[in-house]
Protein backbone atom coordinates (compact mmCIF):
# COMPACT_ATOMS: atom_id res chain seq x y z
CA MET A 1 88.00 77.83 113.13
CA ALA A 2 88.92 75.02 115.55
CA THR A 3 87.05 74.99 118.86
CA ASP A 4 90.15 75.89 120.89
CA GLY A 5 90.67 78.91 118.75
CA ALA A 6 93.55 77.54 116.75
CA PRO A 7 93.22 77.71 112.85
CA GLN A 8 92.35 74.47 111.12
CA LEU A 9 94.54 72.85 108.59
CA ASP A 10 93.08 73.09 105.13
CA THR A 11 94.47 70.51 102.90
CA SER A 12 92.27 71.61 99.86
CA VAL A 13 94.29 74.93 99.31
CA PRO A 14 98.03 75.11 98.46
CA HIS A 15 100.11 76.70 101.15
CA SER A 16 103.43 78.54 100.49
CA ALA A 17 105.34 76.65 103.05
CA ARG A 18 104.17 73.19 101.94
CA VAL A 19 104.80 74.03 98.26
CA TRP A 20 108.30 75.28 99.14
CA ASN A 21 108.76 72.14 101.27
CA TYR A 22 107.96 70.11 98.09
CA TRP A 23 110.42 71.96 96.15
CA LEU A 24 113.08 71.27 98.71
CA GLY A 25 112.36 67.57 98.38
CA GLY A 26 110.56 67.41 101.80
CA LYS A 27 107.49 65.19 102.51
CA ASP A 28 105.39 67.69 104.64
CA ASN A 29 103.07 68.54 101.71
CA TYR A 30 99.79 67.44 100.19
CA ALA A 31 98.45 66.62 96.70
CA VAL A 32 97.31 70.11 96.21
CA ASP A 33 100.79 71.42 97.12
CA ARG A 34 102.61 69.15 94.75
CA GLU A 35 100.09 69.91 91.90
CA VAL A 36 101.06 73.68 92.10
CA GLY A 37 104.70 72.86 92.70
CA ASP A 38 104.68 70.68 89.56
CA SER A 39 102.89 73.16 87.46
CA VAL A 40 105.52 75.70 88.35
CA LEU A 41 108.35 73.34 87.66
CA GLU A 42 107.06 72.76 84.22
CA VAL A 43 107.65 76.29 83.19
CA PHE A 44 110.35 77.24 85.53
CA PRO A 45 112.48 74.31 86.27
CA ALA A 46 115.10 76.25 88.12
CA ILE A 47 112.57 76.85 91.06
CA ALA A 48 113.97 73.82 92.95
CA GLU A 49 117.45 75.07 92.74
CA ASN A 50 116.28 78.55 93.52
CA ALA A 51 114.55 77.20 96.72
CA ARG A 52 117.79 75.51 97.80
CA SER A 53 119.83 78.61 97.05
CA CYS A 54 117.52 80.62 99.21
CA ARG A 55 117.94 78.19 102.04
CA ALA A 56 121.60 78.36 101.81
CA PHE A 57 121.43 82.26 101.69
CA LEU A 58 119.51 81.89 105.15
CA ALA A 59 122.28 79.95 106.58
CA ARG A 60 125.03 82.34 105.41
CA VAL A 61 122.97 85.31 106.78
CA VAL A 62 122.36 83.75 110.14
CA GLY A 63 126.08 82.81 110.35
CA TYR A 64 127.07 86.37 109.64
CA LEU A 65 124.51 87.84 112.21
CA ALA A 66 125.48 85.56 114.93
CA GLY A 67 129.08 85.66 114.24
CA ASP A 68 130.50 88.95 112.78
CA ALA A 69 127.50 91.03 113.86
CA GLY A 70 127.36 89.65 117.19
CA ILE A 71 123.60 89.34 117.36
CA ARG A 72 122.08 86.84 119.94
CA GLN A 73 118.42 87.42 119.26
CA PHE A 74 116.34 86.33 116.09
CA LEU A 75 112.87 86.97 115.10
CA ASP A 76 112.15 84.86 112.19
CA ILE A 77 108.63 85.58 110.75
CA GLY A 78 107.28 83.30 108.06
CA THR A 79 109.23 80.30 109.45
CA GLY A 80 108.16 77.68 107.01
CA LEU A 81 108.52 74.10 107.55
CA PRO A 82 111.58 72.85 109.39
CA THR A 83 114.23 71.67 107.13
CA ALA A 84 118.16 71.58 107.24
CA ASN A 85 120.05 74.65 108.70
CA ASN A 86 117.14 76.17 110.52
CA THR A 87 117.70 79.62 112.09
CA HIS A 88 118.18 78.34 115.61
CA GLU A 89 120.51 75.68 114.44
CA VAL A 90 122.86 77.98 112.56
CA ALA A 91 122.71 80.69 115.28
CA GLN A 92 123.35 78.36 118.14
CA ARG A 93 126.29 76.61 116.31
CA VAL A 94 127.97 80.08 116.19
CA ALA A 95 126.66 81.39 119.67
CA PRO A 96 125.00 78.74 121.80
CA ALA A 97 123.14 81.14 123.97
CA SER A 98 121.22 82.58 120.98
CA ARG A 99 117.42 83.09 121.46
CA ILE A 100 115.02 82.55 118.54
CA VAL A 101 111.41 83.24 118.22
CA TYR A 102 109.74 81.68 115.18
CA VAL A 103 106.45 83.27 113.85
CA ASP A 104 103.87 81.65 111.28
CA ASN A 105 100.20 81.38 111.09
CA ASP A 106 100.07 77.96 109.26
CA PRO A 107 98.94 74.94 111.68
CA LEU A 108 101.16 72.43 109.96
CA VAL A 109 104.10 74.69 110.39
CA LEU A 110 103.49 75.33 114.10
CA VAL A 111 103.06 71.66 114.73
CA HIS A 112 106.24 70.60 113.22
CA ALA A 113 108.08 73.71 114.68
CA ARG A 114 106.98 72.69 118.18
CA ALA A 115 108.08 69.07 117.50
CA LEU A 116 111.39 69.71 115.70
CA LEU A 117 112.92 73.00 116.39
CA SER A 118 114.12 72.47 119.75
CA SER A 119 116.81 74.74 121.37
CA GLY A 120 120.19 73.82 122.43
CA PRO A 121 120.69 73.80 126.24
CA ASP A 122 122.32 77.29 126.44
CA GLY A 123 119.71 78.98 124.31
CA VAL A 124 115.96 79.40 123.84
CA THR A 125 113.49 78.83 121.10
CA ASP A 126 109.92 79.98 120.93
CA TYR A 127 107.08 79.81 118.62
CA ILE A 128 104.17 82.30 117.92
CA ASP A 129 101.01 81.78 115.91
CA ALA A 130 100.57 85.32 114.29
CA ASP A 131 100.28 86.81 110.87
CA LEU A 132 102.93 89.07 109.60
CA ARG A 133 100.84 92.16 109.73
CA ASP A 134 99.82 91.63 113.43
CA THR A 135 102.69 93.71 114.78
CA ALA A 136 101.13 94.21 118.19
CA THR A 137 100.80 90.37 118.80
CA ILE A 138 104.44 89.65 117.57
CA ARG A 139 105.76 92.26 119.92
CA ALA A 140 103.69 91.12 122.93
CA GLU A 141 104.35 87.44 122.41
CA ALA A 142 108.08 87.70 121.35
CA GLY A 143 108.80 90.01 124.25
CA ARG A 144 108.46 86.89 126.56
CA THR A 145 111.70 85.58 125.06
CA LEU A 146 113.43 88.45 123.33
CA ASP A 147 114.74 91.57 125.07
CA PHE A 148 113.70 94.47 122.83
CA GLU A 149 116.28 96.80 124.47
CA GLN A 150 118.98 94.61 122.94
CA PRO A 151 119.75 94.05 119.10
CA ILE A 152 117.47 91.70 117.34
CA ALA A 153 117.80 90.15 113.75
CA LEU A 154 114.53 90.46 111.99
CA MET A 155 114.23 87.73 109.34
CA LEU A 156 111.57 88.05 106.50
CA MET A 157 112.84 85.20 104.19
CA GLY A 158 110.53 84.82 101.10
CA ILE A 159 107.35 86.17 102.78
CA LEU A 160 106.64 89.81 101.49
CA GLY A 161 105.55 88.47 98.15
CA HIS A 162 102.24 87.51 99.95
CA ILE A 163 101.48 91.20 100.00
CA GLU A 164 100.85 92.58 96.63
CA ASP A 165 100.76 96.39 97.37
CA ASP A 166 104.25 97.84 97.89
CA ASP A 167 103.01 100.62 100.23
CA GLU A 168 101.27 98.08 102.47
CA ALA A 169 104.39 95.75 102.41
CA LEU A 170 106.67 98.80 103.28
CA ALA A 171 104.43 99.80 105.97
CA VAL A 172 104.40 96.47 107.67
CA VAL A 173 108.21 96.22 107.53
CA GLY A 174 108.55 99.74 108.88
CA ARG A 175 106.37 98.84 111.77
CA LEU A 176 108.34 95.83 112.56
CA VAL A 177 111.75 97.70 112.24
CA ASP A 178 110.35 100.42 114.47
CA LEU A 179 109.99 97.73 117.26
CA LEU A 180 113.78 97.23 117.18
CA PRO A 181 116.53 99.09 118.91
CA ALA A 182 119.62 100.40 117.22
CA GLY A 183 122.09 97.72 116.25
CA SER A 184 119.45 95.44 115.08
CA CYS A 185 119.32 94.08 111.51
CA LEU A 186 116.72 93.33 108.85
CA ALA A 187 117.53 90.24 106.77
CA PHE A 188 115.39 89.85 103.68
CA TYR A 189 114.95 88.08 100.41
CA ASP A 190 112.21 87.72 97.88
CA GLY A 191 111.50 86.56 94.45
CA THR A 192 112.15 88.95 91.60
CA ASP A 193 110.73 89.44 88.08
CA THR A 194 114.30 89.05 86.56
CA SER A 195 113.61 86.45 84.04
CA GLU A 196 110.70 85.40 81.76
CA LYS A 197 110.46 81.91 83.31
CA ILE A 198 110.10 83.07 86.91
CA VAL A 199 107.40 85.46 85.82
CA GLU A 200 105.71 82.73 83.93
CA GLY A 201 106.14 80.41 86.99
CA ALA A 202 104.56 82.89 89.25
CA LYS A 203 101.66 83.30 86.85
CA VAL A 204 101.07 79.36 86.71
CA SER A 205 101.35 79.32 90.48
CA SER A 206 98.61 81.99 90.96
CA GLU A 207 96.39 80.17 88.54
CA GLY A 208 96.72 77.13 90.70
CA GLY A 209 95.65 78.89 93.83
CA HIS A 210 99.19 79.94 95.26
CA THR A 211 99.60 83.63 94.47
CA TYR A 212 102.98 85.23 94.98
CA HIS A 213 103.85 88.74 93.87
CA LEU A 214 107.32 89.19 92.34
CA ARG A 215 109.23 92.42 92.62
CA SER A 216 112.12 94.14 90.85
CA PRO A 217 115.44 94.25 92.66
CA ALA A 218 115.05 98.10 92.92
CA ARG A 219 111.62 97.60 94.52
CA ILE A 220 113.17 95.03 96.97
CA ALA A 221 115.93 97.55 97.77
CA ARG A 222 113.39 99.82 99.13
CA PHE A 223 112.68 97.73 101.98
CA PHE A 224 116.14 98.80 103.27
CA ASP A 225 115.50 102.44 103.05
CA GLY A 226 116.78 104.19 106.22
CA LEU A 227 119.15 101.11 107.11
CA GLU A 228 122.78 100.75 106.47
CA LEU A 229 123.29 98.06 103.93
CA VAL A 230 125.85 95.30 104.69
CA GLU A 231 128.21 94.37 101.79
CA PRO A 232 127.53 93.33 99.01
CA GLY A 233 124.18 95.02 99.31
CA VAL A 234 121.09 93.86 97.77
CA VAL A 235 122.06 91.04 95.24
CA SER A 236 120.99 87.72 94.01
CA VAL A 237 120.95 85.18 96.97
CA SER A 238 123.60 83.25 95.21
CA GLU A 239 125.83 86.28 95.12
CA TRP A 240 125.51 87.25 98.86
CA ARG A 241 128.88 86.17 100.39
CA PRO A 242 128.88 82.78 98.57
CA GLU A 243 130.90 79.96 99.96
CA PRO A 244 134.17 79.62 98.17
CA GLY A 245 133.94 77.32 95.18
CA SER A 246 130.08 77.03 95.67
CA GLY A 247 129.51 77.68 91.83
CA GLU A 248 125.90 78.63 92.57
CA ALA A 249 123.99 79.80 89.46
CA HIS A 250 122.56 83.29 89.43
CA GLN A 251 119.02 83.14 90.93
CA ASP A 252 115.90 85.14 90.54
CA SER A 253 115.61 85.93 94.15
CA TYR A 254 117.29 88.95 95.68
CA GLY A 255 118.06 89.95 99.29
CA GLY A 256 120.53 91.41 101.82
CA ILE A 257 120.97 92.76 105.38
CA GLY A 258 120.28 96.13 106.60
CA ARG A 259 121.42 97.54 110.07
CA LYS A 260 119.44 99.98 112.08
CA VAL A 261 121.64 102.81 113.26
């Protein structure tokens, strides 16, 4: 633990955000992250394409939420390292007054977020150092920027695989959704066990010190229980309202949007 209370950056252990950054072609990663990333690529070469497709899904989802759904507040938990089409960039292109709070607990992510994820002049962007499970801290800190009496888009993009137990993961999501007023939305995707190669990739990743728990599409759909699904429902990220002519291949990550009514 650092003397100022901030968590120290541990470059001896792979971290999800940095491994993902490597697959996306970024430079904010270390040898340990690249080692795991390469070992997964050997058995599941499509992981890099999957990562890009998930990022494109995020952009389409935020565009829908800020546009058709009219949401102006975003709570993005498990931010990851900044790359193209970050949540605030997409939201503020559609609605410049959008307010975004990013939440992560990796020191490198927070340093880069504060340096690079700057808001447009009409909106607001803030950053919280907190764990996904720490609902109380997230609510208290996010409340400085977001109005919890107005609709909020809760974004959990590729993060729940860090929680192995379904009941625990469902409880965490339930607590977060309970914080939100009617008209809010949960936007979510995660890796699925829908091909032998991704299952092998997850096994190799775990052996390398980067554990991620895949779920079936049916198990992922359970996170939307009690919410009103937005068409086309819970589908592969490449099949959620794709751009015309995109030609994206089917991906082993599933997600969607659910509205709280």
